[in-house]
Protein backbone atom coordinates (compact mmCIF):
# COMPACT_ATOMS: atom_id res chain seq x y z
CA MET A 1 -19.42 58.29 -39.49
CA ASN A 2 -18.88 61.55 -40.39
CA LYS A 3 -16.11 63.29 -41.89
CA HIS A 4 -15.43 64.94 -38.77
CA GLY A 5 -15.69 61.77 -36.48
CA PHE A 6 -13.19 60.28 -39.00
CA LEU A 7 -10.82 63.22 -38.34
CA ASP A 8 -11.09 62.91 -34.78
CA LEU A 9 -10.48 59.44 -34.67
CA LEU A 10 -7.62 59.96 -36.94
CA SER A 11 -6.50 63.00 -34.67
CA CYS A 12 -6.54 60.47 -31.56
CA PHE A 13 -4.38 58.07 -33.14
CA ARG A 14 -1.65 60.44 -34.05
CA SER A 15 -1.59 62.06 -30.53
CA VAL A 16 -1.40 58.76 -29.08
CA SER A 17 1.40 57.03 -31.46
CA ASN A 18 3.55 60.07 -31.00
CA ALA A 19 3.46 60.29 -27.38
CA GLN A 20 4.62 56.90 -27.34
CA GLN A 21 7.80 57.27 -29.84
CA PRO A 22 9.94 59.91 -30.23
CA ALA A 23 9.60 61.74 -34.05
CA ALA A 24 11.07 59.68 -36.55
CA GLU A 25 12.41 60.32 -40.19
CA GLU A 26 10.09 59.79 -42.79
CA PRO A 27 8.97 56.19 -43.43
CA GLY A 28 9.91 54.90 -46.85
CA ILE A 29 7.17 54.70 -49.70
CA SER A 30 6.27 50.64 -48.47
CA ALA A 31 5.93 51.98 -44.88
CA LEU A 32 3.81 54.62 -46.17
CA ALA A 33 1.71 52.11 -48.36
CA TYR A 34 1.35 49.55 -45.38
CA LEU A 35 0.34 52.44 -43.17
CA GLY A 36 -1.97 54.25 -45.75
CA ASP A 37 -3.83 50.58 -46.57
CA SER A 38 -4.87 50.53 -43.10
CA VAL A 39 -6.36 54.17 -42.96
CA TYR A 40 -7.95 53.36 -46.35
CA GLU A 41 -9.30 49.98 -45.14
CA LEU A 42 -10.61 51.72 -41.96
CA TRP A 43 -12.34 54.45 -43.88
CA VAL A 44 -14.22 51.72 -46.62
CA ARG A 45 -15.01 49.64 -43.44
CA LEU A 46 -16.51 52.39 -41.56
CA GLY A 47 -18.34 53.41 -44.82
CA VAL A 48 -19.86 49.93 -45.64
CA VAL A 49 -20.95 49.42 -41.88
CA ALA A 50 -22.82 52.81 -42.12
CA ALA A 51 -24.43 51.97 -45.43
CA ASP A 52 -25.85 48.37 -43.98
CA THR A 53 -25.82 48.98 -39.87
CA HIS A 54 -27.68 45.21 -39.94
CA ALA A 55 -25.74 43.24 -43.02
CA SER A 56 -23.98 40.00 -42.15
CA GLY A 57 -20.36 39.85 -41.43
CA ALA A 58 -19.76 38.28 -44.81
CA SER A 59 -21.55 40.83 -46.88
CA LEU A 60 -19.57 43.43 -45.26
CA HIS A 61 -16.21 41.21 -46.01
CA ARG A 62 -17.48 41.38 -49.99
CA ASP A 63 -18.16 45.17 -49.67
CA THR A 64 -14.78 46.08 -48.26
CA ALA A 65 -13.22 43.61 -50.27
CA ARG A 66 -14.59 44.85 -53.90
CA ARG A 67 -13.92 48.50 -52.26
CA VAL A 68 -9.87 47.86 -51.36
CA ARG A 69 -8.86 45.82 -54.21
CA ALA A 70 -5.95 46.99 -56.44
CA GLU A 71 -8.03 47.64 -59.78
CA SER A 72 -10.40 49.70 -57.78
CA GLN A 73 -7.86 51.46 -55.65
CA ALA A 74 -5.98 51.99 -59.28
CA VAL A 75 -9.06 53.61 -60.97
CA ILE A 76 -9.83 56.01 -57.83
CA LEU A 77 -6.34 57.27 -58.45
CA ARG A 78 -6.54 57.97 -61.82
CA ARG A 79 -9.60 60.24 -61.04
CA LEU A 80 -8.12 61.82 -58.18
CA GLU A 81 -4.97 62.70 -60.05
CA PRO A 82 -6.32 66.34 -61.53
CA SER A 83 -7.55 67.50 -57.82
CA LEU A 84 -3.91 66.54 -56.53
CA THR A 85 -1.34 69.39 -55.72
CA GLU A 86 1.43 69.38 -57.59
CA GLN A 87 3.65 67.79 -54.65
CA GLU A 88 1.16 65.32 -54.11
CA ARG A 89 1.35 64.52 -57.74
CA ASP A 90 5.08 64.33 -57.51
CA PHE A 91 4.95 61.88 -54.47
CA VAL A 92 2.27 59.61 -56.33
CA ARG A 93 4.85 59.77 -59.26
CA ARG A 94 7.75 58.06 -57.50
CA ALA A 95 5.46 55.89 -55.05
CA ARG A 96 4.26 54.45 -58.56
CA ASN A 97 7.90 54.14 -59.48
CA ALA A 98 9.39 52.72 -56.35
CA LYS A 99 10.14 48.81 -56.21
CA VAL A 100 7.41 46.80 -54.60
CA GLY A 101 6.93 43.40 -53.55
CA VAL A 102 5.30 40.31 -55.12
CA VAL A 103 2.21 41.55 -57.50
CA PRO A 104 -0.71 39.34 -56.31
CA ARG A 105 -2.39 37.16 -58.91
CA ASN A 106 -5.99 39.00 -59.48
CA ALA A 107 -3.93 42.38 -60.21
CA SER A 108 -2.09 43.85 -63.01
CA PRO A 109 1.30 45.48 -62.29
CA VAL A 110 0.28 48.71 -63.41
CA GLU A 111 -2.69 48.08 -61.30
CA TYR A 112 -0.88 47.40 -58.06
CA ARG A 113 1.48 49.98 -58.44
CA LEU A 114 -1.19 52.26 -58.80
CA ALA A 115 -3.07 51.10 -55.85
CA THR A 116 0.51 51.35 -53.64
CA ALA A 117 1.01 54.83 -54.77
CA LEU A 118 -2.77 55.56 -53.68
CA GLU A 119 -1.91 53.94 -50.22
CA ALA A 120 1.29 55.71 -50.08
CA LEU A 121 -0.16 59.24 -50.73
CA LEU A 122 -2.67 58.20 -47.74
CA GLY A 123 0.12 57.21 -45.43
CA TYR A 124 2.27 60.35 -46.28
CA LEU A 125 -0.59 62.58 -45.35
CA PHE A 126 -1.26 60.18 -42.11
CA TRP A 127 2.54 60.68 -41.10
CA HIS A 128 2.76 64.35 -41.70
CA GLY A 129 -0.39 65.30 -39.92
CA ASP A 130 -2.30 66.57 -42.64
CA LEU A 131 -5.55 64.90 -41.78
CA GLY A 132 -7.62 67.39 -43.10
CA ARG A 133 -6.55 66.99 -46.61
CA LEU A 134 -6.25 62.84 -45.87
CA VAL A 135 -10.13 63.04 -45.53
CA GLN A 136 -10.75 65.58 -48.08
CA ILE A 137 -9.33 63.01 -50.36
CA LEU A 138 -10.78 59.95 -48.69
CA MET A 139 -14.30 61.97 -49.24
CA LEU A 140 -13.48 62.45 -53.27
CA SER A 141 -12.72 58.75 -53.34
CA GLU A 142 -16.16 58.23 -52.12
CA ASP A 143 -17.32 59.64 -55.34
CA ASP A 144 -15.53 57.34 -57.27
CA ILE A 145 -16.28 54.33 -55.48
CA ALA A 146 -20.06 55.06 -56.40
CA ASP A 147 -19.32 55.43 -59.61
CA LEU A 148 -17.50 52.23 -59.34
CA GLU A 149 -20.55 50.24 -58.23
CA ASP A 150 -22.46 51.92 -60.74
CA ASP A 151 -20.40 50.89 -63.36
CA GLY A 152 -20.17 47.25 -62.13
């Protein structure tokens, strides 16, 4: 799926969800990260399937898991930070410093906080309907994912 197809899909999700519920205040960092996690996971899954449409489910899962783990997301956020607006950097700083749940055993606390901040930023952009910027950041992350795969 190309960038425009993903943007159309997100727009559809937003319009359906907005029609089902009244406008609410902005969710907290954890809720935005939860939302951003699903947006990022869908982006990665679409990319993994597009790269190898005949791969087995196990292979697709392995490739996706490697890309969505906290370590990878932390690297991506560090590389994206210079491309973020001042408002986005401030939001990332708040999200990174927010109290988070239990850190998974396969991630360091720093990696987990950075990954949570990336997911929260994606959730924030989705929640506020800034889908063009959301896709722009996701596309920038693709370059970082490719670099990670070349390094790893």
